[in-house]
Amino acid sequence: MSHTVSRTQQWLLDISQQQPQQHAILLAVRQHILALAPGIQEDIKYGGILFADQQPFCGLFAYRAHVSLEFSAGAQLADPHQVLEGSGKLRRHIKLHSLDEVGRKQVAAYLQAAWQQQAP
C-alpha cells in the first residue's frame, strides 16, 4: 500500500524544514481558510498555495522574512484595520512576520470578507 503525500502537504513539509517560523504562520492561516467552508480547494501554484471555493479568492506565500496572504480581489475589500498592502488594480496582501500578527492583523475577518465576496 503506497502512501501519497499531496502537493500541499509536500510544500508545507519543505517550508517546515527551511523556514519553521513561516511554517507556523502558514498553518495557522491555512486553518482559518479551510474553516470558512467545507468545499474549499487548495492548489500549489506560483510558489504558494491558492485557495478557491466558487473561484480563487486568496493565496499564501512564504518569503524569507514573512508570509504573504494575497487577496485576488483585495482592492474591493474594506480595510477597517489598515493592514492591506499593495496599490495594484485588483490584488492586496497582508504581510505576516510572526504568529501573533495573525490575530493582531484580524486575518480571520479579512478571510471571511474575501470568501464572501467571491460567493455567487
PDB file of N, CA and C in Angstrom:
ATOM      1  N   MET A   1       0.845  -1.184   0.000  1.00  0.00           N
ATOM      2  CA  MET A   1       0.000   0.000   0.000  1.00  0.00           C
ATOM      3  C   MET A   1       0.889   1.246   0.000  1.00  0.00           C
ATOM      4  N   SER A   2       0.726   2.083  -1.009  1.00  0.00           N
ATOM      5  CA  SER A   2       1.564   3.278  -1.091  1.00  0.00           C
ATOM      6  C   SER A   2       0.856   4.455  -0.439  1.00  0.00           C
ATOM      7  N   HIS A   3       1.646   5.262   0.196  1.00  0.00           N
ATOM      8  CA  HIS A   3       1.108   6.453   0.850  1.00  0.00           C
ATOM      9  C   HIS A   3       1.522   7.656   0.020  1.00  0.00           C
ATOM     10  N   THR A   4       0.537   8.370  -0.526  1.00  0.00           N
ATOM     11  CA  THR A   4       0.875   9.536  -1.331  1.00  0.00           C
ATOM     12  C   THR A   4       0.691  10.801  -0.508  1.00  0.00           C
ATOM     13  N   VAL A   5       1.631  11.682  -0.640  1.00  0.00           N
ATOM     14  CA  VAL A   5       1.582  12.966   0.040  1.00  0.00           C
ATOM     15  C   VAL A   5       1.079  13.988  -0.978  1.00  0.00           C
ATOM     16  N   SER A   6       0.082  14.769  -0.593  1.00  0.00           N
ATOM     17  CA  SER A   6      -0.441  15.768  -1.520  1.00  0.00           C
ATOM     18  C   SER A   6       0.621  16.827  -1.789  1.00  0.00           C
ATOM     19  N   ARG A   7       0.447  17.533  -2.897  1.00  0.00           N
ATOM     20  CA  ARG A   7       1.398  18.598  -3.238  1.00  0.00           C
ATOM     21  C   ARG A   7       1.407  19.664  -2.146  1.00  0.00           C
ATOM     22  N   THR A   8       0.238  19.919  -1.570  1.00  0.00           N
ATOM     23  CA  THR A   8       0.164  20.913  -0.491  1.00  0.00           C
ATOM     24  C   THR A   8       0.948  20.438   0.726  1.00  0.00           C
ATOM     25  N   GLN A   9       0.746  19.178   1.105  1.00  0.00           N
ATOM     26  CA  GLN A   9       1.471  18.632   2.262  1.00  0.00           C
ATOM     27  C   GLN A   9       2.980  18.662   2.024  1.00  0.00           C
ATOM     28  N   GLN A  10       3.391  18.331   0.811  1.00  0.00           N
ATOM     29  CA  GLN A  10       4.817  18.339   0.484  1.00  0.00           C
ATOM     30  C   GLN A  10       5.381  19.754   0.568  1.00  0.00           C
ATOM     31  N   TRP A  11       4.643  20.718   0.044  1.00  0.00           N
ATOM     32  CA  TRP A  11       5.075  22.112   0.082  1.00  0.00           C
ATOM     33  C   TRP A  11       5.221  22.578   1.531  1.00  0.00           C
ATOM     34  N   LEU A  12       4.224  22.259   2.363  1.00  0.00           N
ATOM     35  CA  LEU A  12       4.272  22.641   3.778  1.00  0.00           C
ATOM     36  C   LEU A  12       5.441  21.974   4.499  1.00  0.00           C
ATOM     37  N   LEU A  13       5.705  20.713   4.155  1.00  0.00           N
ATOM     38  CA  LEU A  13       6.830  19.993   4.746  1.00  0.00           C
ATOM     39  C   LEU A  13       8.160  20.676   4.385  1.00  0.00           C
ATOM     40  N   ASP A  14       8.294  21.044   3.115  1.00  0.00           N
ATOM     41  CA  ASP A  14       9.510  21.740   2.672  1.00  0.00           C
ATOM     42  C   ASP A  14       9.699  23.041   3.446  1.00  0.00           C
ATOM     43  N   ILE A  15       8.626  23.805   3.599  1.00  0.00           N
ATOM     44  CA  ILE A  15       8.703  25.080   4.331  1.00  0.00           C
ATOM     45  C   ILE A  15       9.073  24.824   5.790  1.00  0.00           C
ATOM     46  N   SER A  16       8.492  23.760   6.378  1.00  0.00           N
ATOM     47  CA  SER A  16       8.757  23.486   7.802  1.00  0.00           C
ATOM     48  C   SER A  16      10.234  23.237   8.048  1.00  0.00           C
ATOM     49  N   GLN A  17      10.913  22.648   7.069  1.00  0.00           N
ATOM     50  CA  GLN A  17      12.328  22.346   7.227  1.00  0.00           C
ATOM     51  C   GLN A  17      13.210  23.563   6.950  1.00  0.00           C
ATOM     52  N   GLN A  18      12.761  24.429   6.054  1.00  0.00           N
ATOM     53  CA  GLN A  18      13.590  25.574   5.668  1.00  0.00           C
ATOM     54  C   GLN A  18      13.264  26.837   6.463  1.00  0.00           C
ATOM     55  N   GLN A  19      11.992  27.008   6.796  1.00  0.00           N
ATOM     56  CA  GLN A  19      11.543  28.252   7.439  1.00  0.00           C
ATOM     57  C   GLN A  19      10.511  27.936   8.518  1.00  0.00           C
ATOM     58  N   PRO A  20      10.946  27.411   9.666  1.00  0.00           N
ATOM     59  CA  PRO A  20       9.987  26.984  10.699  1.00  0.00           C
ATOM     60  C   PRO A  20       9.056  28.086  11.194  1.00  0.00           C
ATOM     61  N   GLN A  21       9.539  29.327  11.285  1.00  0.00           N
ATOM     62  CA  GLN A  21       8.659  30.404  11.760  1.00  0.00           C
ATOM     63  C   GLN A  21       7.547  30.685  10.746  1.00  0.00           C
ATOM     64  N   GLN A  22       7.896  30.723   9.460  1.00  0.00           N
ATOM     65  CA  GLN A  22       6.881  30.943   8.428  1.00  0.00           C
ATOM     66  C   GLN A  22       5.907  29.768   8.385  1.00  0.00           C
ATOM     67  N   HIS A  23       6.415  28.558   8.633  1.00  0.00           N
ATOM     68  CA  HIS A  23       5.571  27.367   8.616  1.00  0.00           C
ATOM     69  C   HIS A  23       4.449  27.484   9.645  1.00  0.00           C
ATOM     70  N   ALA A  24       4.759  27.941  10.836  1.00  0.00           N
ATOM     71  CA  ALA A  24       3.744  28.095  11.889  1.00  0.00           C
ATOM     72  C   ALA A  24       2.665  29.100  11.461  1.00  0.00           C
ATOM     73  N   ILE A  25       3.091  30.185  10.834  1.00  0.00           N
ATOM     74  CA  ILE A  25       2.141  31.198  10.352  1.00  0.00           C
ATOM     75  C   ILE A  25       1.265  30.605   9.247  1.00  0.00           C
ATOM     76  N   LEU A  26       1.901  29.907   8.303  1.00  0.00           N
ATOM     77  CA  LEU A  26       1.161  29.287   7.198  1.00  0.00           C
ATOM     78  C   LEU A  26       0.084  28.334   7.724  1.00  0.00           C
ATOM     79  N   LEU A  27       0.455  27.483   8.690  1.00  0.00           N
ATOM     80  CA  LEU A  27      -0.503  26.520   9.223  1.00  0.00           C
ATOM     81  C   LEU A  27      -1.677  27.220   9.891  1.00  0.00           C
ATOM     82  N   ALA A  28      -1.402  28.269  10.644  1.00  0.00           N
ATOM     83  CA  ALA A  28      -2.470  28.993  11.342  1.00  0.00           C
ATOM     84  C   ALA A  28      -3.434  29.639  10.348  1.00  0.00           C
ATOM     85  N   VAL A  29      -2.894  30.304   9.334  1.00  0.00           N
ATOM     86  CA  VAL A  29      -3.749  30.982   8.357  1.00  0.00           C
ATOM     87  C   VAL A  29      -4.508  29.960   7.512  1.00  0.00           C
ATOM     88  N   ARG A  30      -3.831  28.896   7.109  1.00  0.00           N
ATOM     89  CA  ARG A  30      -4.479  27.837   6.315  1.00  0.00           C
ATOM     90  C   ARG A  30      -5.660  27.238   7.074  1.00  0.00           C
ATOM     91  N   GLN A  31      -5.498  27.050   8.381  1.00  0.00           N
ATOM     92  CA  GLN A  31      -6.579  26.510   9.204  1.00  0.00           C
ATOM     93  C   GLN A  31      -7.795  27.447   9.168  1.00  0.00           C
ATOM     94  N   HIS A  32      -7.557  28.759   9.251  1.00  0.00           N
ATOM     95  CA  HIS A  32      -8.644  29.742   9.157  1.00  0.00           C
ATOM     96  C   HIS A  32      -9.344  29.638   7.803  1.00  0.00           C
ATOM     97  N   ILE A  33      -8.550  29.509   6.739  1.00  0.00           N
ATOM     98  CA  ILE A  33      -9.121  29.467   5.384  1.00  0.00           C
ATOM     99  C   ILE A  33      -9.985  28.225   5.212  1.00  0.00           C
ATOM    100  N   LEU A  34      -9.454  27.059   5.579  1.00  0.00           N
ATOM    101  CA  LEU A  34     -10.190  25.808   5.381  1.00  0.00           C
ATOM    102  C   LEU A  34     -11.435  25.732   6.260  1.00  0.00           C
ATOM    103  N   ALA A  35     -11.470  26.511   7.348  1.00  0.00           N
ATOM    104  CA  ALA A  35     -12.637  26.524   8.240  1.00  0.00           C
ATOM    105  C   ALA A  35     -13.781  27.382   7.682  1.00  0.00           C
ATOM    106  N   LEU A  36     -13.529  28.157   6.641  1.00  0.00           N
ATOM    107  CA  LEU A  36     -14.561  29.034   6.085  1.00  0.00           C
ATOM    108  C   LEU A  36     -15.726  28.251   5.488  1.00  0.00           C
ATOM    109  N   ALA A  37     -15.420  27.145   4.816  1.00  0.00           N
ATOM    110  CA  ALA A  37     -16.464  26.366   4.146  1.00  0.00           C
ATOM    111  C   ALA A  37     -15.917  24.972   3.837  1.00  0.00           C
ATOM    112  N   PRO A  38     -16.811  23.981   3.763  1.00  0.00           N
ATOM    113  CA  PRO A  38     -16.343  22.610   3.531  1.00  0.00           C
ATOM    114  C   PRO A  38     -15.767  22.361   2.138  1.00  0.00           C
ATOM    115  N   GLY A  39     -16.137  23.142   1.139  1.00  0.00           N
ATOM    116  CA  GLY A  39     -15.704  22.836  -0.224  1.00  0.00           C
ATOM    117  C   GLY A  39     -14.456  23.553  -0.700  1.00  0.00           C
ATOM    118  N   ILE A  40     -13.743  24.203   0.194  1.00  0.00           N
ATOM    119  CA  ILE A  40     -12.585  24.987  -0.236  1.00  0.00           C
ATOM    120  C   ILE A  40     -11.473  24.071  -0.743  1.00  0.00           C
ATOM    121  N   GLN A  41     -10.969  24.409  -1.910  1.00  0.00           N
ATOM    122  CA  GLN A  41      -9.915  23.608  -2.532  1.00  0.00           C
ATOM    123  C   GLN A  41      -8.614  24.394  -2.511  1.00  0.00           C
ATOM    124  N   GLU A  42      -7.517  23.646  -2.414  1.00  0.00           N
ATOM    125  CA  GLU A  42      -6.203  24.285  -2.415  1.00  0.00           C
ATOM    126  C   GLU A  42      -5.352  23.667  -3.509  1.00  0.00           C
ATOM    127  N   ASP A  43      -4.501  24.507  -4.076  1.00  0.00           N
ATOM    128  CA  ASP A  43      -3.642  24.048  -5.160  1.00  0.00           C
ATOM    129  C   ASP A  43      -2.309  24.793  -5.058  1.00  0.00           C
ATOM    130  N   ILE A  44      -1.231  24.084  -5.340  1.00  0.00           N
ATOM    131  CA  ILE A  44       0.082  24.723  -5.334  1.00  0.00           C
ATOM    132  C   ILE A  44       0.298  25.374  -6.700  1.00  0.00           C
ATOM    133  N   LYS A  45       0.439  26.711  -6.690  1.00  0.00           N
ATOM    134  CA  LYS A  45       0.686  27.477  -7.918  1.00  0.00           C
ATOM    135  C   LYS A  45       1.493  28.709  -7.575  1.00  0.00           C
ATOM    136  N   TYR A  46       2.304  29.140  -8.514  1.00  0.00           N
ATOM    137  CA  TYR A  46       3.071  30.379  -8.360  1.00  0.00           C
ATOM    138  C   TYR A  46       3.947  30.370  -7.105  1.00  0.00           C
ATOM    139  N   GLY A  47       4.340  29.184  -6.661  1.00  0.00           N
ATOM    140  CA  GLY A  47       5.210  29.088  -5.496  1.00  0.00           C
ATOM    141  C   GLY A  47       4.509  29.186  -4.155  1.00  0.00           C
ATOM    142  N   GLY A  48       3.196  29.061  -4.146  1.00  0.00           N
ATOM    143  CA  GLY A  48       2.442  29.129  -2.895  1.00  0.00           C
ATOM    144  C   GLY A  48       1.194  28.262  -2.985  1.00  0.00           C
ATOM    145  N   ILE A  49       0.284  28.455  -2.029  1.00  0.00           N
ATOM    146  CA  ILE A  49      -0.993  27.719  -2.059  1.00  0.00           C
ATOM    147  C   ILE A  49      -2.080  28.701  -2.459  1.00  0.00           C
ATOM    148  N   LEU A  50      -2.857  28.342  -3.486  1.00  0.00           N
ATOM    149  CA  LEU A  50      -4.022  29.135  -3.863  1.00  0.00           C
ATOM    150  C   LEU A  50      -5.266  28.441  -3.334  1.00  0.00           C
ATOM    151  N   PHE A  51      -6.204  29.230  -2.826  1.00  0.00           N
ATOM    152  CA  PHE A  51      -7.438  28.696  -2.266  1.00  0.00           C
ATOM    153  C   PHE A  51      -8.622  29.181  -3.093  1.00  0.00           C
ATOM    154  N   ALA A  52      -9.555  28.256  -3.362  1.00  0.00           N
ATOM    155  CA  ALA A  52     -10.734  28.591  -4.153  1.00  0.00           C
ATOM    156  C   ALA A  52     -11.958  27.909  -3.576  1.00  0.00           C
ATOM    157  N   ASP A  53     -13.091  28.579  -3.720  1.00  0.00           N
ATOM    158  CA  ASP A  53     -14.367  27.962  -3.415  1.00  0.00           C
ATOM    159  C   ASP A  53     -15.130  27.953  -4.731  1.00  0.00           C
ATOM    160  N   GLN A  54     -15.926  28.955  -5.014  1.00  0.00           N
ATOM    161  CA  GLN A  54     -16.518  29.083  -6.347  1.00  0.00           C
ATOM    162  C   GLN A  54     -15.418  29.481  -7.331  1.00  0.00           C
ATOM    163  N   GLN A  55     -14.529  30.336  -6.871  1.00  0.00           N
ATOM    164  CA  GLN A  55     -13.394  30.804  -7.666  1.00  0.00           C
ATOM    165  C   GLN A  55     -12.257  31.139  -6.710  1.00  0.00           C
ATOM    166  N   PRO A  56     -11.028  31.312  -7.220  1.00  0.00           N
ATOM    167  CA  PRO A  56      -9.909  31.634  -6.328  1.00  0.00           C
ATOM    168  C   PRO A  56     -10.176  32.935  -5.578  1.00  0.00           C
ATOM    169  N   PHE A  57      -9.848  32.945  -4.276  1.00  0.00           N
ATOM    170  CA  PHE A  57     -10.074  34.174  -3.512  1.00  0.00           C
ATOM    171  C   PHE A  57      -8.868  34.595  -2.676  1.00  0.00           C
ATOM    172  N   CYS A  58      -7.922  33.680  -2.438  1.00  0.00           N
ATOM    173  CA  CYS A  58      -6.718  34.095  -1.716  1.00  0.00           C
ATOM    174  C   CYS A  58      -5.600  33.091  -1.935  1.00  0.00           C
ATOM    175  N   GLY A  59      -4.418  33.503  -1.529  1.00  0.00           N
ATOM    176  CA  GLY A  59      -3.256  32.635  -1.636  1.00  0.00           C
ATOM    177  C   GLY A  59      -2.291  32.917  -0.501  1.00  0.00           C
ATOM    178  N   LEU A  60      -1.485  31.921  -0.183  1.00  0.00           N
ATOM    179  CA  LEU A  60      -0.478  32.038   0.874  1.00  0.00           C
ATOM    180  C   LEU A  60       0.900  31.793   0.278  1.00  0.00           C
ATOM    181  N   PHE A  61       1.832  32.682   0.580  1.00  0.00           N
ATOM    182  CA  PHE A  61       3.180  32.576   0.039  1.00  0.00           C
ATOM    183  C   PHE A  61       4.198  32.826   1.147  1.00  0.00           C
ATOM    184  N   ALA A  62       5.246  32.016   1.175  1.00  0.00           N
ATOM    185  CA  ALA A  62       6.303  32.158   2.190  1.00  0.00           C
ATOM    186  C   ALA A  62       7.497  32.881   1.573  1.00  0.00           C
ATOM    187  N   TYR A  63       7.952  33.899   2.266  1.00  0.00           N
ATOM    188  CA  TYR A  63       9.157  34.627   1.864  1.00  0.00           C
ATOM    189  C   TYR A  63      10.192  34.473   2.971  1.00  0.00           C
ATOM    190  N   ARG A  64      11.361  35.005   2.745  1.00  0.00           N
ATOM    191  CA  ARG A  64      12.453  34.816   3.699  1.00  0.00           C
ATOM    192  C   ARG A  64      12.100  35.359   5.083  1.00  0.00           C
ATOM    193  N   ALA A  65      11.477  36.534   5.127  1.00  0.00           N
ATOM    194  CA  ALA A  65      11.232  37.169   6.419  1.00  0.00           C
ATOM    195  C   ALA A  65       9.761  37.256   6.821  1.00  0.00           C
ATOM    196  N   HIS A  66       8.861  36.788   5.952  1.00  0.00           N
ATOM    197  CA  HIS A  66       7.434  36.903   6.270  1.00  0.00           C
ATOM    198  C   HIS A  66       6.601  35.937   5.429  1.00  0.00           C
ATOM    199  N   VAL A  67       5.324  35.859   5.768  1.00  0.00           N
ATOM    200  CA  VAL A  67       4.337  35.152   4.960  1.00  0.00           C
ATOM    201  C   VAL A  67       3.422  36.214   4.380  1.00  0.00           C
ATOM    202  N   SER A  68       3.051  36.052   3.118  1.00  0.00           N
ATOM    203  CA  SER A  68       2.147  36.993   2.482  1.00  0.00           C
ATOM    204  C   SER A  68       0.821  36.299   2.217  1.00  0.00           C
ATOM    205  N   LEU A  69      -0.253  36.893   2.717  1.00  0.00           N
ATOM    206  CA  LEU A  69      -1.614  36.436   2.440  1.00  0.00           C
ATOM    207  C   LEU A  69      -2.157  37.354   1.356  1.00  0.00           C
ATOM    208  N   GLU A  70      -2.342  36.804   0.160  1.00  0.00           N
ATOM    209  CA  GLU A  70      -2.732  37.598  -1.005  1.00  0.00           C
ATOM    210  C   GLU A  70      -4.217  37.434  -1.278  1.00  0.00           C
ATOM    211  N   PHE A  71      -4.869  38.538  -1.581  1.00  0.00           N
ATOM    212  CA  PHE A  71      -6.293  38.507  -1.921  1.00  0.00           C
ATOM    213  C   PHE A  71      -6.460  38.857  -3.391  1.00  0.00           C
ATOM    214  N   SER A  72      -7.091  37.954  -4.141  1.00  0.00           N
ATOM    215  CA  SER A  72      -7.255  38.114  -5.581  1.00  0.00           C
ATOM    216  C   SER A  72      -7.971  39.416  -5.934  1.00  0.00           C
ATOM    217  N   ALA A  73      -9.028  39.735  -5.189  1.00  0.00           N
ATOM    218  CA  ALA A  73      -9.788  40.963  -5.434  1.00  0.00           C
ATOM    219  C   ALA A  73      -9.706  41.861  -4.202  1.00  0.00           C
ATOM    220  N   GLY A  74      -8.516  41.962  -3.632  1.00  0.00           N
ATOM    221  CA  GLY A  74      -8.325  42.683  -2.381  1.00  0.00           C
ATOM    222  C   GLY A  74      -8.633  44.163  -2.441  1.00  0.00           C
ATOM    223  N   ALA A  75      -8.553  44.763  -3.637  1.00  0.00           N
ATOM    224  CA  ALA A  75      -8.835  46.195  -3.759  1.00  0.00           C
ATOM    225  C   ALA A  75     -10.291  46.490  -3.413  1.00  0.00           C
ATOM    226  N   GLN A  76     -11.155  45.481  -3.508  1.00  0.00           N
ATOM    227  CA  GLN A  76     -12.577  45.674  -3.206  1.00  0.00           C
ATOM    228  C   GLN A  76     -12.893  45.406  -1.737  1.00  0.00           C
ATOM    229  N   LEU A  77     -11.936  44.917  -0.978  1.00  0.00           N
ATOM    230  CA  LEU A  77     -12.180  44.622   0.437  1.00  0.00           C
ATOM    231  C   LEU A  77     -12.133  45.894   1.277  1.00  0.00           C
ATOM    232  N   ALA A  78     -13.032  45.967   2.259  1.00  0.00           N
ATOM    233  CA  ALA A  78     -12.937  47.042   3.247  1.00  0.00           C
ATOM    234  C   ALA A  78     -11.677  46.783   4.067  1.00  0.00           C
ATOM    235  N   ASP A  79     -11.036  47.837   4.519  1.00  0.00           N
ATOM    236  CA  ASP A  79      -9.792  47.695   5.287  1.00  0.00           C
ATOM    237  C   ASP A  79      -9.892  48.453   6.613  1.00  0.00           C
ATOM    238  N   PRO A  80     -10.813  48.019   7.492  1.00  0.00           N
ATOM    239  CA  PRO A  80     -11.027  48.762   8.744  1.00  0.00           C
ATOM    240  C   PRO A  80      -9.818  48.774   9.667  1.00  0.00           C
ATOM    241  N   HIS A  81      -8.926  47.807   9.546  1.00  0.00           N
ATOM    242  CA  HIS A  81      -7.766  47.730  10.439  1.00  0.00           C
ATOM    243  C   HIS A  81      -6.487  48.245   9.787  1.00  0.00           C
ATOM    244  N   GLN A  82      -6.626  48.760   8.545  1.00  0.00           N
ATOM    245  CA  GLN A  82      -5.488  49.360   7.831  1.00  0.00           C
ATOM    246  C   GLN A  82      -4.291  48.420   7.740  1.00  0.00           C
ATOM    247  N   VAL A  83      -4.547  47.168   7.347  1.00  0.00           N
ATOM    248  CA  VAL A  83      -3.451  46.205   7.228  1.00  0.00           C
ATOM    249  C   VAL A  83      -3.206  45.733   5.796  1.00  0.00           C
ATOM    250  N   LEU A  84      -4.108  46.074   4.879  1.00  0.00           N
ATOM    251  CA  LEU A  84      -3.924  45.647   3.491  1.00  0.00           C
ATOM    252  C   LEU A  84      -2.834  46.487   2.837  1.00  0.00           C
ATOM    253  N   GLU A  85      -1.954  45.805   2.097  1.00  0.00           N
ATOM    254  CA  GLU A  85      -0.886  46.497   1.383  1.00  0.00           C
ATOM    255  C   GLU A  85      -1.030  46.237  -0.104  1.00  0.00           C
ATOM    256  N   GLY A  86      -0.436  47.119  -0.904  1.00  0.00           N
ATOM    257  CA  GLY A  86      -0.463  46.959  -2.353  1.00  0.00           C
ATOM    258  C   GLY A  86      -1.247  48.092  -2.988  1.00  0.00           C
ATOM    259  N   SER A  87      -0.942  48.375  -4.241  1.00  0.00           N
ATOM    260  CA  SER A  87      -1.587  49.506  -4.904  1.00  0.00           C
ATOM    261  C   SER A  87      -2.044  49.168  -6.316  1.00  0.00           C
ATOM    262  N   GLY A  88      -2.039  47.872  -6.662  1.00  0.00           N
ATOM    263  CA  GLY A  88      -2.481  47.473  -7.996  1.00  0.00           C
ATOM    264  C   GLY A  88      -3.985  47.619  -8.150  1.00  0.00           C
ATOM    265  N   LYS A  89      -4.487  47.328  -9.337  1.00  0.00           N
ATOM    266  CA  LYS A  89      -5.920  47.458  -9.606  1.00  0.00           C
ATOM    267  C   LYS A  89      -6.751  46.466  -8.807  1.00  0.00           C
ATOM    268  N   LEU A  90      -6.246  45.247  -8.606  1.00  0.00           N
ATOM    269  CA  LEU A  90      -7.056  44.198  -8.001  1.00  0.00           C
ATOM    270  C   LEU A  90      -6.528  43.668  -6.685  1.00  0.00           C
ATOM    271  N   ARG A  91      -5.293  43.236  -6.686  1.00  0.00           N
ATOM    272  CA  ARG A  91      -4.749  42.475  -5.548  1.00  0.00           C
ATOM    273  C   ARG A  91      -4.357  43.352  -4.362  1.00  0.00           C
ATOM    274  N   ARG A  92      -4.481  42.764  -3.176  1.00  0.00           N
ATOM    275  CA  ARG A  92      -3.947  43.356  -1.949  1.00  0.00           C
ATOM    276  C   ARG A  92      -3.375  42.199  -1.135  1.00  0.00           C
ATOM    277  N   HIS A  93      -2.488  42.507  -0.190  1.00  0.00           N
ATOM    278  CA  HIS A  93      -1.916  41.453   0.630  1.00  0.00           C
ATOM    279  C   HIS A  93      -1.709  41.932   2.051  1.00  0.00           C
ATOM    280  N   ILE A  94      -1.592  40.979   2.954  1.00  0.00           N
ATOM    281  CA  ILE A  94      -1.247  41.247   4.344  1.00  0.00           C
ATOM    282  C   ILE A  94       0.069  40.524   4.603  1.00  0.00           C
ATOM    283  N   LYS A  95       1.075  41.268   5.083  1.00  0.00           N
ATOM    284  CA  LYS A  95       2.356  40.652   5.434  1.00  0.00           C
ATOM    285  C   LYS A  95       2.307  40.218   6.896  1.00  0.00           C
ATOM    286  N   LEU A  96       2.693  38.978   7.138  1.00  0.00           N
ATOM    287  CA  LEU A  96       2.693  38.422   8.491  1.00  0.00           C
ATOM    288  C   LEU A  96       4.123  38.023   8.857  1.00  0.00           C
ATOM    289  N   HIS A  97       4.684  38.693   9.853  1.00  0.00           N
ATOM    290  CA  HIS A  97       6.064  38.424  10.278  1.00  0.00           C
ATOM    291  C   HIS A  97       6.138  37.494  11.471  1.00  0.00           C
ATOM    292  N   SER A  98       5.013  37.319  12.182  1.00  0.00           N
ATOM    293  CA  SER A  98       5.012  36.450  13.362  1.00  0.00           C
ATOM    294  C   SER A  98       3.620  35.864  13.560  1.00  0.00           C
ATOM    295  N   LEU A  99       3.555  34.806  14.327  1.00  0.00           N
ATOM    296  CA  LEU A  99       2.293  34.112  14.572  1.00  0.00           C
ATOM    297  C   LEU A  99       1.272  35.024  15.239  1.00  0.00           C
ATOM    298  N   ASP A 100       1.710  35.886  16.147  1.00  0.00           N
ATOM    299  CA  ASP A 100       0.743  36.743  16.848  1.00  0.00           C
ATOM    300  C   ASP A 100       0.118  37.794  15.928  1.00  0.00           C
ATOM    301  N   GLU A 101       0.763  38.094  14.804  1.00  0.00           N
ATOM    302  CA  GLU A 101       0.179  39.044  13.852  1.00  0.00           C
ATOM    303  C   GLU A 101      -1.066  38.473  13.175  1.00  0.00           C
ATOM    304  N   VAL A 102      -1.207  37.157  13.139  1.00  0.00           N
ATOM    305  CA  VAL A 102      -2.403  36.541  12.544  1.00  0.00           C
ATOM    306  C   VAL A 102      -3.642  37.051  13.283  1.00  0.00           C
ATOM    307  N   GLY A 103      -3.571  37.135  14.599  1.00  0.00           N
ATOM    308  CA  GLY A 103      -4.674  37.683  15.382  1.00  0.00           C
ATOM    309  C   GLY A 103      -4.691  39.200  15.376  1.00  0.00           C
ATOM    310  N   ARG A 104      -3.516  39.808  15.576  1.00  0.00           N
ATOM    311  CA  ARG A 104      -3.430  41.267  15.663  1.00  0.00           C
ATOM    312  C   ARG A 104      -3.898  41.959  14.392  1.00  0.00           C
ATOM    313  N   LYS A 105      -3.613  41.360  13.250  1.00  0.00           N
ATOM    314  CA  LYS A 105      -3.993  41.974  11.973  1.00  0.00           C
ATOM    315  C   LYS A 105      -5.376  41.502  11.498  1.00  0.00           C
ATOM    316  N   GLN A 106      -6.116  40.836  12.377  1.00  0.00           N
ATOM    317  CA  GLN A 106      -7.513  40.452  12.093  1.00  0.00           C
ATOM    318  C   GLN A 106      -7.645  39.613  10.818  1.00  0.00           C
ATOM    319  N   VAL A 107      -6.703  38.685  10.625  1.00  0.00           N
ATOM    320  CA  VAL A 107      -6.676  37.867   9.411  1.00  0.00           C
ATOM    321  C   VAL A 107      -8.001  37.135   9.180  1.00  0.00           C
ATOM    322  N   ALA A 108      -8.588  36.570  10.237  1.00  0.00           N
ATOM    323  CA  ALA A 108      -9.841  35.803  10.072  1.00  0.00           C
ATOM    324  C   ALA A 108     -10.949  36.668   9.482  1.00  0.00           C
ATOM    325  N   ALA A 109     -11.044  37.918   9.915  1.00  0.00           N
ATOM    326  CA  ALA A 109     -12.090  38.819   9.404  1.00  0.00           C
ATOM    327  C   ALA A 109     -11.876  39.129   7.920  1.00  0.00           C
ATOM    328  N   TYR A 110     -10.614  39.336   7.523  1.00  0.00           N
ATOM    329  CA  TYR A 110     -10.323  39.615   6.111  1.00  0.00           C
ATOM    330  C   TYR A 110     -10.585  38.383   5.246  1.00  0.00           C
ATOM    331  N   LEU A 111     -10.241  37.211   5.766  1.00  0.00           N
ATOM    332  CA  LEU A 111     -10.510  35.973   5.028  1.00  0.00           C
ATOM    333  C   LEU A 111     -12.008  35.781   4.829  1.00  0.00           C
ATOM    334  N   GLN A 112     -12.777  36.011   5.885  1.00  0.00           N
ATOM    335  CA  GLN A 112     -14.235  35.878   5.804  1.00  0.00           C
ATOM    336  C   GLN A 112     -14.782  36.826   4.733  1.00  0.00           C
ATOM    337  N   ALA A 113     -14.316  38.068   4.727  1.00  0.00           N
ATOM    338  CA  ALA A 113     -14.776  39.060   3.754  1.00  0.00           C
ATOM    339  C   ALA A 113     -14.400  38.648   2.328  1.00  0.00           C
ATOM    340  N   ALA A 114     -13.176  38.182   2.141  1.00  0.00           N
ATOM    341  CA  ALA A 114     -12.722  37.776   0.806  1.00  0.00           C
ATOM    342  C   ALA A 114     -13.506  36.564   0.317  1.00  0.00           C
ATOM    343  N   TRP A 115     -13.787  35.635   1.218  1.00  0.00           N
ATOM    344  CA  TRP A 115     -14.536  34.440   0.850  1.00  0.00           C
ATOM    345  C   TRP A 115     -15.971  34.803   0.479  1.00  0.00           C
ATOM    346  N   GLN A 116     -16.600  35.662   1.263  1.00  0.00           N
ATOM    347  CA  GLN A 116     -17.984  36.061   0.991  1.00  0.00           C
ATOM    348  C   GLN A 116     -18.068  36.853  -0.325  1.00  0.00           C
ATOM    349  N   GLN A 117     -17.039  37.627  -0.606  1.00  0.00           N
ATOM    350  CA  GLN A 117     -17.009  38.465  -1.811  1.00  0.00           C
ATOM    351  C   GLN A 117     -17.062  37.605  -3.082  1.00  0.00           C
ATOM    352  N   GLN A 118     -16.442  36.432  -3.072  1.00  0.00           N
ATOM    353  CA  GLN A 118     -16.393  35.611  -4.297  1.00  0.00           C
ATOM    354  C   GLN A 118     -17.594  34.676  -4.423  1.00  0.00           C
ATOM    355  N   ALA A 119     -18.393  34.545  -3.371  1.00  0.00           N
ATOM    356  CA  ALA A 119     -19.560  33.649  -3.434  1.00  0.00           C
ATOM    357  C   ALA A 119     -20.608  34.228  -4.380  1.00  0.00           C
ATOM    358  N   PRO A 120     -21.298  33.374  -5.108  1.00  0.00           N
ATOM    359  CA  PRO A 120     -22.291  33.868  -6.085  1.00  0.00           C
ATOM    360  C   PRO A 120     -23.482  34.539  -5.409  1.00  0.00           C
TER     361      PRO A 120
END
